[in-house]
Protein backbone atom coordinates (compact mmCIF):
# COMPACT_ATOMS: atom_id res chain seq x y z
CA UNK A 1 -168.89 64.02 -89.84
CA UNK A 2 -167.21 62.26 -92.72
CA UNK A 3 -168.28 65.08 -95.01
CA UNK A 4 -167.00 67.67 -92.55
CA UNK A 5 -163.64 65.89 -92.36
CA UNK A 6 -163.39 65.78 -96.12
CA UNK A 7 -164.30 69.45 -96.39
CA UNK A 8 -161.79 70.31 -93.72
CA UNK A 9 -159.04 68.39 -95.47
CA UNK A 10 -159.83 70.13 -98.77
CA UNK A 11 -159.84 73.55 -97.12
CA UNK A 12 -156.50 72.77 -95.53
CA UNK A 13 -155.04 71.75 -98.87
CA UNK A 14 -156.36 74.91 -100.51
CA UNK A 15 -154.91 77.08 -97.77
CA UNK A 16 -151.59 75.27 -98.01
CA UNK A 17 -151.56 75.72 -101.77
CA UNK A 18 -152.44 79.40 -101.33
CA UNK A 19 -149.61 79.97 -98.91
CA UNK A 20 -147.14 78.23 -101.21
CA UNK A 21 -148.35 80.25 -104.18
CA UNK A 22 -148.04 83.50 -102.28
CA UNK A 23 -144.51 82.64 -101.28
CA UNK A 24 -143.56 81.82 -104.86
CA UNK A 25 -145.17 85.05 -106.06
CA UNK A 26 -143.16 87.06 -103.52
CA UNK A 27 -139.97 85.37 -104.66
CA UNK A 28 -140.85 86.04 -108.32
CA UNK A 29 -141.53 89.70 -107.55
CA UNK A 30 -138.20 90.00 -105.76
CA UNK A 31 -136.36 88.42 -108.68
CA UNK A 32 -138.20 90.72 -111.12
CA UNK A 33 -137.25 93.82 -109.11
CA UNK A 34 -133.64 92.69 -108.93
CA UNK A 35 -133.54 92.08 -112.68
CA UNK A 36 -135.09 95.50 -113.37
CA UNK A 37 -132.56 97.14 -111.08
CA UNK A 38 -129.74 95.34 -112.87
CA UNK A 39 -131.16 96.12 -116.34
CA UNK A 40 -129.11 98.60 -118.32
CA UNK A 41 -130.89 100.64 -120.93
CA UNK A 42 -129.08 100.18 -124.22
CA UNK A 43 -128.89 102.97 -126.80
CA UNK A 44 -131.62 102.55 -129.38
CA UNK A 45 -129.49 103.96 -132.19
CA UNK A 46 -126.22 102.08 -132.51
CA UNK A 47 -125.04 103.37 -135.90
CA UNK A 48 -122.63 106.30 -136.14
CA UNK A 49 -123.36 109.13 -138.57
CA UNK A 50 -120.38 110.20 -140.68
CA UNK A 51 -119.01 113.43 -139.22
CA UNK A 52 -119.49 115.16 -142.57
CA UNK A 53 -123.25 114.63 -142.40
CA UNK A 54 -123.78 116.75 -139.27
CA UNK A 55 -124.74 119.92 -141.18
CA UNK A 56 -125.07 118.39 -144.64
CA UNK A 57 -127.57 119.48 -147.28
CA UNK A 58 -128.64 116.95 -149.93
CA UNK A 59 -128.80 117.64 -153.66
CA UNK A 60 -130.60 115.19 -155.95
CA UNK A 61 -129.09 115.03 -159.44
CA UNK A 62 -131.06 113.52 -162.31
CA UNK A 63 -128.17 112.89 -164.71
CA UNK A 64 -130.49 112.40 -167.69
CA UNK A 65 -131.99 115.89 -167.32
CA UNK A 66 -129.23 117.79 -165.50
CA UNK A 67 -127.37 118.98 -168.61
CA UNK A 68 -128.12 119.21 -172.35
CA UNK A 69 -125.72 116.28 -172.86
CA UNK A 70 -127.22 114.18 -170.07
CA UNK A 71 -123.85 112.67 -169.16
CA UNK A 72 -121.47 112.26 -166.23
CA UNK A 73 -118.83 114.36 -167.99
CA UNK A 74 -121.21 117.25 -168.47
CA UNK A 75 -122.51 116.93 -164.90
CA UNK A 76 -118.94 116.96 -163.54
CA UNK A 77 -118.40 120.39 -165.11
CA UNK A 78 -121.23 121.70 -162.92
CA UNK A 79 -119.85 120.40 -159.63
CA UNK A 80 -118.03 123.67 -158.77
CA UNK A 81 -121.36 125.47 -159.12
CA UNK A 82 -123.01 123.02 -156.71
CA UNK A 83 -120.11 123.48 -154.31
CA UNK A 84 -120.64 127.24 -154.48
CA UNK A 85 -124.34 126.78 -153.85
CA UNK A 86 -123.35 125.14 -150.57
CA UNK A 87 -124.62 121.57 -150.90
CA UNK A 88 -122.67 118.65 -149.45
CA UNK A 89 -124.08 115.32 -150.65
CA UNK A 90 -124.88 114.60 -154.30
CA UNK A 91 -127.55 111.94 -154.65
CA UNK A 92 -127.38 110.47 -158.15
CA UNK A 93 -130.50 108.82 -159.51
CA UNK A 94 -129.83 105.20 -160.64
CA UNK A 95 -126.89 105.02 -163.03
CA UNK A 96 -127.33 101.41 -164.18
CA UNK A 97 -128.37 100.02 -167.58
CA UNK A 98 -132.16 100.20 -167.98
CA UNK A 99 -134.36 97.25 -168.91
CA UNK A 100 -135.80 97.07 -172.40
CA UNK A 101 -138.50 94.43 -171.88
CA UNK A 102 -141.79 96.16 -170.95
CA UNK A 103 -139.91 99.49 -171.00
CA UNK A 104 -141.91 102.67 -170.42
CA UNK A 105 -141.29 105.44 -172.93
CA UNK A 106 -138.34 105.40 -175.29
CA UNK A 107 -135.64 105.54 -172.60
CA UNK A 108 -137.33 103.76 -169.70
CA UNK A 109 -137.25 104.30 -165.96
CA UNK A 110 -133.87 104.46 -164.20
CA UNK A 111 -135.53 102.36 -161.49
CA UNK A 112 -135.79 99.39 -163.87
CA UNK A 113 -132.28 97.98 -163.35
CA UNK A 114 -130.85 95.50 -165.86
CA UNK A 115 -127.37 95.18 -164.35
CA UNK A 116 -126.51 96.13 -160.76
CA UNK A 117 -122.80 96.38 -161.52
CA UNK A 118 -123.11 98.17 -164.84
CA UNK A 119 -123.24 101.78 -165.98
CA UNK A 120 -125.92 103.05 -168.35
CA UNK A 121 -124.03 103.85 -171.60
CA UNK A 122 -126.41 106.78 -172.20
CA UNK A 123 -124.76 108.49 -169.20
CA UNK A 124 -121.17 107.53 -170.00
CA UNK A 125 -118.61 104.87 -169.17
CA UNK A 126 -117.50 103.44 -165.82
CA UNK A 127 -114.40 105.62 -166.23
CA UNK A 128 -116.59 108.70 -166.64
CA UNK A 129 -118.47 107.84 -163.48
CA UNK A 130 -115.23 107.25 -161.56
CA UNK A 131 -113.97 110.65 -162.70
CA UNK A 132 -117.23 112.26 -161.54
CA UNK A 133 -116.83 110.78 -158.04
CA UNK A 134 -113.16 111.76 -157.88
CA UNK A 135 -113.89 115.34 -158.92
CA UNK A 136 -116.70 115.59 -156.37
CA UNK A 137 -114.37 114.34 -153.64
CA UNK A 138 -111.69 116.82 -154.68
CA UNK A 139 -114.23 119.60 -154.08
CA UNK A 140 -115.21 118.20 -150.68
CA UNK A 141 -118.54 116.82 -151.94
CA UNK A 142 -119.87 113.33 -151.19
CA UNK A 143 -121.68 111.09 -153.69
CA UNK A 144 -124.42 108.57 -152.92
CA UNK A 145 -126.02 106.22 -155.44
CA UNK A 146 -129.73 105.51 -155.79
CA UNK A 147 -130.07 101.78 -155.08
CA UNK A 148 -133.06 99.72 -156.24
CA UNK A 149 -133.05 96.56 -154.15
CA UNK A 150 -136.76 95.73 -154.16
CA UNK A 151 -137.08 94.86 -157.84
CA UNK A 152 -135.21 94.53 -161.13
CA UNK A 153 -135.95 94.91 -164.82
CA UNK A 154 -137.67 91.98 -166.53
CA UNK A 155 -134.59 91.36 -168.64
CA UNK A 156 -132.08 91.48 -165.80
CA UNK A 157 -130.01 88.27 -166.26
CA UNK A 158 -130.90 87.24 -162.69
CA UNK A 159 -134.41 86.41 -163.88
CA UNK A 160 -132.99 83.67 -166.12
CA UNK A 161 -129.98 82.60 -164.06
CA UNK A 162 -131.65 82.70 -160.63
CA UNK A 163 -135.43 82.51 -161.17
CA UNK A 164 -135.97 81.40 -157.56
CA UNK A 165 -134.80 84.83 -156.43
CA UNK A 166 -138.07 86.39 -157.63
CA UNK A 167 -141.56 86.55 -156.16
CA UNK A 168 -144.47 84.97 -158.04
CA UNK A 169 -148.15 85.83 -158.29
CA UNK A 170 -151.08 83.45 -157.71
CA UNK A 171 -150.57 82.01 -161.22
CA UNK A 172 -146.90 81.30 -160.57
CA UNK A 173 -145.70 84.12 -162.84
CA UNK A 174 -143.12 86.80 -162.10
CA UNK A 175 -144.88 89.83 -160.71
CA UNK A 176 -144.38 93.60 -160.47
CA UNK A 177 -144.83 95.23 -157.08
CA UNK A 178 -148.51 94.58 -156.16
CA UNK A 179 -151.16 97.27 -156.69
CA UNK A 180 -148.88 99.79 -158.42
CA UNK A 181 -148.56 100.28 -162.19
CA UNK A 182 -144.86 99.37 -162.14
CA UNK A 183 -145.25 97.06 -165.12
CA UNK A 184 -141.61 97.50 -166.21
CA UNK A 185 -140.16 95.72 -163.15
CA UNK A 186 -140.53 92.44 -161.19
CA UNK A 187 -140.11 91.95 -157.45
CA UNK A 188 -137.20 90.16 -155.81
CA UNK A 189 -137.69 87.67 -152.95
CA UNK A 190 -135.62 88.41 -149.84
CA UNK A 191 -136.43 85.08 -148.23
CA UNK A 192 -133.63 83.78 -150.49
CA UNK A 193 -130.26 84.01 -148.65
CA UNK A 194 -128.28 83.87 -151.89
CA UNK A 195 -130.10 86.96 -153.20
CA UNK A 196 -129.17 88.84 -150.05
CA UNK A 197 -125.51 87.97 -150.51
CA UNK A 198 -125.60 88.98 -154.16
CA UNK A 199 -127.24 92.36 -153.46
CA UNK A 200 -124.91 93.14 -150.56
CA UNK A 201 -121.86 92.26 -152.68
CA UNK A 202 -123.10 94.57 -155.45
CA UNK A 203 -123.43 97.48 -153.02
CA UNK A 204 -119.98 96.77 -151.59
CA UNK A 205 -118.61 96.82 -155.15
CA UNK A 206 -119.58 100.47 -155.71
CA UNK A 207 -118.13 101.60 -152.39
CA UNK A 208 -114.88 99.67 -152.73
CA UNK A 209 -114.22 100.08 -156.45
CA UNK A 210 -115.61 103.58 -157.11
CA UNK A 211 -115.48 105.23 -153.69
CA UNK A 212 -119.14 106.16 -153.42
CA UNK A 213 -120.11 107.42 -149.97
CA UNK A 214 -123.40 105.64 -149.47
CA UNK A 215 -126.82 105.02 -150.96
CA UNK A 216 -130.34 106.35 -151.23
CA UNK A 217 -132.40 103.15 -151.03
CA UNK A 218 -135.55 103.00 -153.14
CA UNK A 219 -138.78 101.85 -151.40
CA UNK A 220 -136.60 100.70 -148.50
CA UNK A 221 -139.59 99.53 -146.46
CA UNK A 222 -140.39 96.85 -149.06
CA UNK A 223 -137.07 95.15 -148.20
CA UNK A 224 -136.56 93.50 -144.77
CA UNK A 225 -134.85 95.72 -142.18
CA UNK A 226 -132.40 93.01 -141.20
CA UNK A 227 -131.02 93.04 -144.74
CA UNK A 228 -130.30 96.77 -144.53
CA UNK A 229 -128.75 96.38 -141.08
CA UNK A 230 -126.44 93.63 -142.32
CA UNK A 231 -125.50 95.64 -145.41
CA UNK A 232 -124.58 98.71 -143.39
CA UNK A 233 -122.33 96.64 -141.13
CA UNK A 234 -120.62 95.18 -144.19
CA UNK A 235 -120.19 98.54 -145.92
CA UNK A 236 -118.66 100.07 -142.84
CA UNK A 237 -115.87 97.54 -142.89
CA UNK A 238 -114.72 99.65 -145.85
CA UNK A 239 -115.60 103.15 -144.61
CA UNK A 240 -118.32 105.13 -142.83
CA UNK A 241 -121.26 105.53 -145.20
CA UNK A 242 -124.43 107.60 -145.37
CA UNK A 243 -127.70 105.76 -146.04
CA UNK A 244 -131.01 107.45 -146.90
CA UNK A 245 -134.20 105.36 -146.91
CA UNK A 246 -137.16 106.14 -149.11
CA UNK A 247 -139.46 105.29 -146.23
CA UNK A 248 -140.82 106.90 -143.08
CA UNK A 249 -140.15 104.66 -140.08
CA UNK A 250 -138.47 105.05 -136.70
CA UNK A 251 -137.01 101.56 -136.64
CA UNK A 252 -134.94 102.05 -139.77
CA UNK A 253 -132.81 104.51 -137.79
CA UNK A 254 -131.62 102.06 -135.15
CA UNK A 255 -128.94 100.15 -137.05
CA UNK A 256 -129.43 100.82 -140.75
CA UNK A 257 -130.21 104.34 -141.96
CA UNK A 258 -128.97 107.82 -141.16
CA UNK A 259 -131.97 109.48 -142.80
CA UNK A 260 -135.53 108.66 -143.82
CA UNK A 261 -138.14 110.52 -145.85
CA UNK A 262 -140.40 112.99 -144.03
CA UNK A 263 -143.30 112.11 -146.31
CA UNK A 264 -145.92 113.27 -143.82
CA UNK A 265 -144.24 116.69 -143.47
CA UNK A 266 -144.34 117.13 -147.24
CA UNK A 267 -148.02 116.19 -147.43
CA UNK A 268 -149.00 118.49 -144.57
CA UNK A 269 -147.15 121.41 -146.13
CA UNK A 270 -149.03 120.91 -149.41
CA UNK A 271 -152.38 120.91 -147.60
CA UNK A 272 -151.39 123.99 -145.63
CA UNK A 273 -150.24 125.88 -148.75
CA UNK A 274 -153.48 125.09 -150.56
CA UNK A 275 -155.64 126.24 -147.64
CA UNK A 276 -156.91 122.73 -146.87
CA UNK A 277 -155.42 122.78 -143.36
CA UNK A 278 -154.12 125.28 -140.82
CA UNK A 279 -150.91 125.56 -138.83
CA UNK A 280 -152.10 123.24 -136.07
CA UNK A 281 -151.99 120.35 -138.56
CA UNK A 282 -148.19 120.58 -138.41
CA UNK A 283 -148.25 119.83 -134.68
CA UNK A 284 -149.00 116.17 -135.44
CA UNK A 285 -145.81 115.82 -137.48
CA UNK A 286 -143.58 117.72 -135.08
CA UNK A 287 -145.00 115.92 -132.05
CA UNK A 288 -144.34 112.52 -133.63
CA UNK A 289 -140.92 113.66 -134.76
CA UNK A 290 -139.95 114.60 -131.21
CA UNK A 291 -141.72 111.84 -129.28
CA UNK A 292 -141.55 108.78 -131.53
CA UNK A 293 -138.30 109.20 -133.47
CA UNK A 294 -134.85 108.97 -131.87
CA UNK A 295 -132.86 112.14 -131.35
CA UNK A 296 -130.26 110.89 -133.84
CA UNK A 297 -132.75 110.51 -136.70
CA UNK A 298 -132.29 112.69 -139.77
CA UNK A 299 -135.75 113.33 -141.29
CA UNK A 300 -135.42 114.46 -144.91
CA UNK A 301 -137.72 117.47 -145.20
CA UNK A 302 -138.09 117.82 -148.95
CA UNK A 303 -140.10 120.34 -150.94
CA UNK A 304 -139.49 118.58 -154.25
CA UNK A 305 -137.87 115.42 -155.60
CA UNK A 306 -138.07 113.41 -158.82
CA UNK A 307 -141.33 111.69 -157.83
CA UNK A 308 -143.17 114.78 -156.60
CA UNK A 309 -142.07 116.80 -159.63
CA UNK A 310 -143.08 114.17 -162.17
CA UNK A 311 -146.28 112.82 -160.62
CA UNK A 312 -147.62 115.35 -158.08
CA UNK A 313 -146.75 118.69 -159.64
CA UNK A 314 -144.14 121.41 -159.68
CA UNK A 315 -143.39 123.46 -156.60
CA UNK A 316 -145.47 126.22 -158.15
CA UNK A 317 -148.43 123.84 -158.50
CA UNK A 318 -148.02 122.32 -155.05
CA UNK A 319 -147.20 125.41 -152.97
CA UNK A 320 -147.99 128.53 -154.98
CA UNK A 321 -147.24 131.74 -153.07
CA UNK A 322 -146.30 129.73 -149.98
CA UNK A 323 -143.27 128.16 -151.69
CA UNK A 324 -140.51 130.43 -150.25
CA UNK A 325 -141.87 130.00 -146.71
CA UNK A 326 -142.16 126.22 -147.08
CA UNK A 327 -138.63 126.08 -148.46
CA UNK A 328 -137.33 128.16 -145.55
CA UNK A 329 -139.03 125.93 -142.99
CA UNK A 330 -137.37 122.87 -144.53
CA UNK A 331 -134.01 124.46 -143.68
CA UNK A 332 -134.75 126.19 -140.37
CA UNK A 333 -137.03 123.59 -138.79
CA UNK A 334 -135.86 120.16 -137.70
CA UNK A 335 -134.94 118.01 -140.65
CA UNK A 336 -132.32 117.42 -143.32
CA UNK A 337 -133.16 119.57 -146.36
CA UNK A 338 -133.10 118.38 -149.96
CA UNK A 339 -132.66 120.39 -153.14
CA UNK A 340 -133.93 118.78 -156.33
CA UNK A 341 -131.91 119.82 -159.38
CA UNK A 342 -133.47 122.79 -161.11
CA UNK A 343 -135.00 124.32 -157.99
CA UNK A 344 -132.18 126.86 -157.89
CA UNK A 345 -133.08 127.86 -161.47
CA UNK A 346 -136.78 128.25 -160.69
CA UNK A 347 -137.71 125.20 -162.78
CA UNK A 348 -141.47 125.34 -163.33
CA UNK A 349 -141.91 122.23 -165.49
CA UNK A 350 -142.70 118.62 -164.67
CA UNK A 351 -139.58 116.96 -166.04
CA UNK A 352 -140.35 113.95 -168.23
CA UNK A 353 -139.58 110.68 -166.49
CA UNK A 354 -139.04 108.30 -169.41
CA UNK A 355 -137.59 110.72 -171.99
CA UNK A 356 -134.85 113.33 -172.28
CA UNK A 357 -136.08 116.67 -170.97
CA UNK A 358 -133.11 118.85 -169.97
CA UNK A 359 -133.50 121.51 -167.28
CA UNK A 360 -133.54 125.06 -168.61
CA UNK A 361 -130.88 126.75 -166.48
CA UNK A 362 -131.16 130.44 -165.59
CA UNK A 363 -130.39 132.84 -162.78
CA UNK A 364 -133.39 132.93 -160.44
CA UNK A 365 -134.27 134.42 -157.03
CA UNK A 366 -134.82 130.92 -155.62
CA UNK A 367 -131.12 130.26 -156.15
CA UNK A 368 -130.26 133.28 -154.00
CA UNK A 369 -132.72 132.15 -151.32
CA UNK A 370 -131.21 128.65 -151.25
CA UNK A 371 -127.66 129.98 -150.93
CA UNK A 372 -128.71 132.22 -148.05
CA UNK A 373 -130.58 129.42 -146.26
CA UNK A 374 -127.65 127.02 -146.60
CA UNK A 375 -125.22 129.64 -145.29
CA UNK A 376 -127.53 130.38 -142.34
CA UNK A 377 -127.87 126.71 -141.54
CA UNK A 378 -124.14 126.09 -141.54
CA UNK A 379 -123.27 129.08 -139.38
CA UNK A 380 -125.94 128.34 -136.75
CA UNK A 381 -125.16 124.95 -135.23
CA UNK A 382 -128.57 124.78 -133.52
CA UNK A 383 -130.01 124.22 -137.03
CA UNK A 384 -127.88 121.15 -137.82
CA UNK A 385 -129.11 117.60 -138.40
CA UNK A 386 -130.31 115.18 -135.73
CA UNK A 387 -128.50 115.27 -132.40
CA UNK A 388 -126.02 117.84 -133.74
CA UNK A 389 -128.73 120.51 -133.81
CA UNK A 390 -131.35 121.52 -131.28
CA UNK A 391 -135.02 120.73 -130.90
CA UNK A 392 -137.71 123.06 -132.15
CA UNK A 393 -139.52 124.45 -129.11
CA UNK A 394 -142.99 125.80 -129.82
CA UNK A 395 -143.55 129.47 -128.99
CA UNK A 396 -147.31 130.06 -128.62
CA UNK A 397 -148.72 133.13 -130.33
CA UNK A 398 -152.01 134.99 -130.61
CA UNK A 399 -152.76 133.61 -134.12
CA UNK A 400 -152.18 129.88 -133.58
CA UNK A 401 -154.02 128.67 -136.68
CA UNK A 402 -152.22 131.02 -139.09
CA UNK A 403 -148.78 131.61 -137.56
CA UNK A 404 -146.09 129.05 -136.68
CA UNK A 405 -143.45 130.27 -134.22
CA UNK A 406 -140.61 128.42 -132.51
CA UNK A 407 -137.11 128.71 -131.10
CA UNK A 408 -134.13 126.43 -131.61
CA UNK A 409 -131.46 127.23 -129.08
CA UNK A 410 -128.49 126.17 -127.01
CA UNK A 411 -127.35 128.54 -124.29
CA UNK A 412 -126.90 132.00 -125.77
CA UNK A 413 -127.23 130.68 -129.33
CA UNK A 414 -130.85 130.94 -130.38
CA UNK A 415 -132.80 131.14 -133.62
CA UNK A 416 -136.33 132.54 -133.48
CA UNK A 417 -138.56 131.80 -136.47
CA UNK A 418 -142.06 133.10 -137.22
CA UNK A 419 -144.01 131.98 -140.31
CA UNK A 420 -147.31 133.32 -141.60
CA UNK A 421 -148.81 130.29 -143.31
CA UNK A 422 -151.92 132.05 -144.53
CA UNK A 423 -153.03 134.16 -147.49
CA UNK A 424 -153.88 137.10 -145.21
CA UNK A 425 -151.64 139.60 -143.39
CA UNK A 426 -151.16 138.70 -139.73
CA UNK A 427 -150.24 140.70 -136.67
CA UNK A 428 -149.29 138.33 -133.89
CA UNK A 429 -147.94 138.59 -130.37
CA UNK A 430 -145.58 135.88 -129.14
CA UNK A 431 -146.25 134.37 -125.74
CA UNK A 432 -144.17 132.80 -122.98
CA UNK A 433 -140.68 133.36 -121.59
CA UNK A 434 -138.60 131.50 -124.17
CA UNK A 435 -138.12 134.17 -126.83
CA UNK A 436 -137.48 137.60 -125.18
CA UNK A 437 -134.11 139.12 -125.98
CA UNK A 438 -132.17 141.05 -128.59
CA UNK A 439 -131.90 139.54 -132.07
CA UNK A 440 -130.73 140.50 -135.53
CA UNK A 441 -132.63 139.68 -138.70
CA UNK A 442 -131.04 136.80 -140.61
CA UNK A 443 -130.80 138.64 -143.94
CA UNK A 444 -130.98 142.39 -143.27
CA UNK A 445 -128.95 142.33 -140.07
CA UNK A 446 -131.40 144.78 -138.48
CA UNK A 447 -131.41 144.54 -134.68
CA UNK A 448 -134.65 144.04 -132.80
CA UNK A 449 -135.60 143.68 -129.17
CA UNK A 450 -138.36 141.13 -128.50
CA UNK A 451 -140.44 141.47 -125.32
CA UNK A 452 -143.77 140.13 -124.16
CA UNK A 453 -145.41 143.18 -125.78
CA UNK A 454 -143.69 142.90 -129.16
CA UNK A 455 -145.98 142.47 -132.14
CA UNK A 456 -144.80 140.78 -135.33
CA UNK A 457 -146.39 141.96 -138.56
CA UNK A 458 -146.21 139.55 -141.47
CA UNK A 459 -147.54 139.84 -145.02
CA UNK A 460 -149.30 136.81 -146.56
CA UNK A 461 -146.92 133.82 -146.59
CA UNK A 462 -144.11 135.96 -145.14
CA UNK A 463 -141.59 134.57 -142.66
CA UNK A 464 -139.09 136.10 -140.29
CA UNK A 465 -135.92 134.54 -138.88
CA UNK A 466 -133.96 136.25 -136.11
CA UNK A 467 -130.64 135.29 -134.53
CA UNK A 468 -129.85 135.96 -130.89
CA UNK A 469 -127.35 138.80 -130.70
């Protein structure tokens, strides 16, 4: 009996505990539901793009190679030509004095910065640079500086005045960025608050004193995001700026950067052009772009820049006969297009990185293609950047591994694009209800009616762009 009583008491206690727990759980669930109902979804992207960036096209200018003189003054004389080409934002490669200790080549890398507030005398004086910015602004162009926050030159005075601002290797020595052959630079340590203040003040200096309109930030992902977010907030106390990150990450778009590199797009286009992949490989990029990145994100779809030209190959090497189609997709598909100086002249050389190697300027069909693509992009708002344009909507076709087809549209305004990304002629039939209608060809102006029975014939690597009439 005693055992039964004890068991009964224990069972009673367990039941009592169970009832109390259930009651508490119910209360917790009710509180949770109430809090979810009261929860307001906050915008993920809180930065504001400058209005002038909505349809902007980037142009990267390598001052060292841009003119025979390799100077700001000489580059300024070419600004009217760039304005006529149709570009909007001039991205200048680093303009600062270059380190001499452990220098590569005779002139060194512009990304080995010896003085963050100085101007490389090889390019001109601070006054020359100021005049360049002022002339660009007078033409309606914007200027952004290439900013190297991750590392400095070995002989930057900070190494001697503030040695604690630098990272060390396992031996306690200053170290270049791990794993790479960047032997001419040493890495900065962003766990040091004073370094953050110094770097932010230096960026503010160029905006306040010279009127630059923003920055392209080198290896931005190697520097903590909260630094970039704080810097943007500080810069925008002066004026709205445009920030481009050399990195591919959704989270950089929330509070820091207007644009990031579309590295994966570039890589997939090279594989496609070389026959190592088919059109369906692009679906991975475009799916991630639409599903993982915010609507406001500008993804820089580049065909060439200073790194790809110097280390990966020319556009002719990387894309061959596919080059015009790849270039057109960078303008017509979602993304913010980039022109690397010399593309408009059909440059077919890998420009030297550590020496003088001026571009050989000439009239070239690529220049005409770029002007036409820029004009098309500006007149068709559905092709603009980020939330200012419209999404690419896939139009299935009968040759899905060779032909890419899509529409970007808003109401009656629609752009239909069909690309043959193969070395063989293709005859394809578009499918679905999205595309039918009357269009005119983007360059010839020829009118065409598209129906469910319409066939599109494309030569190898040919593309067609049609505008809703």
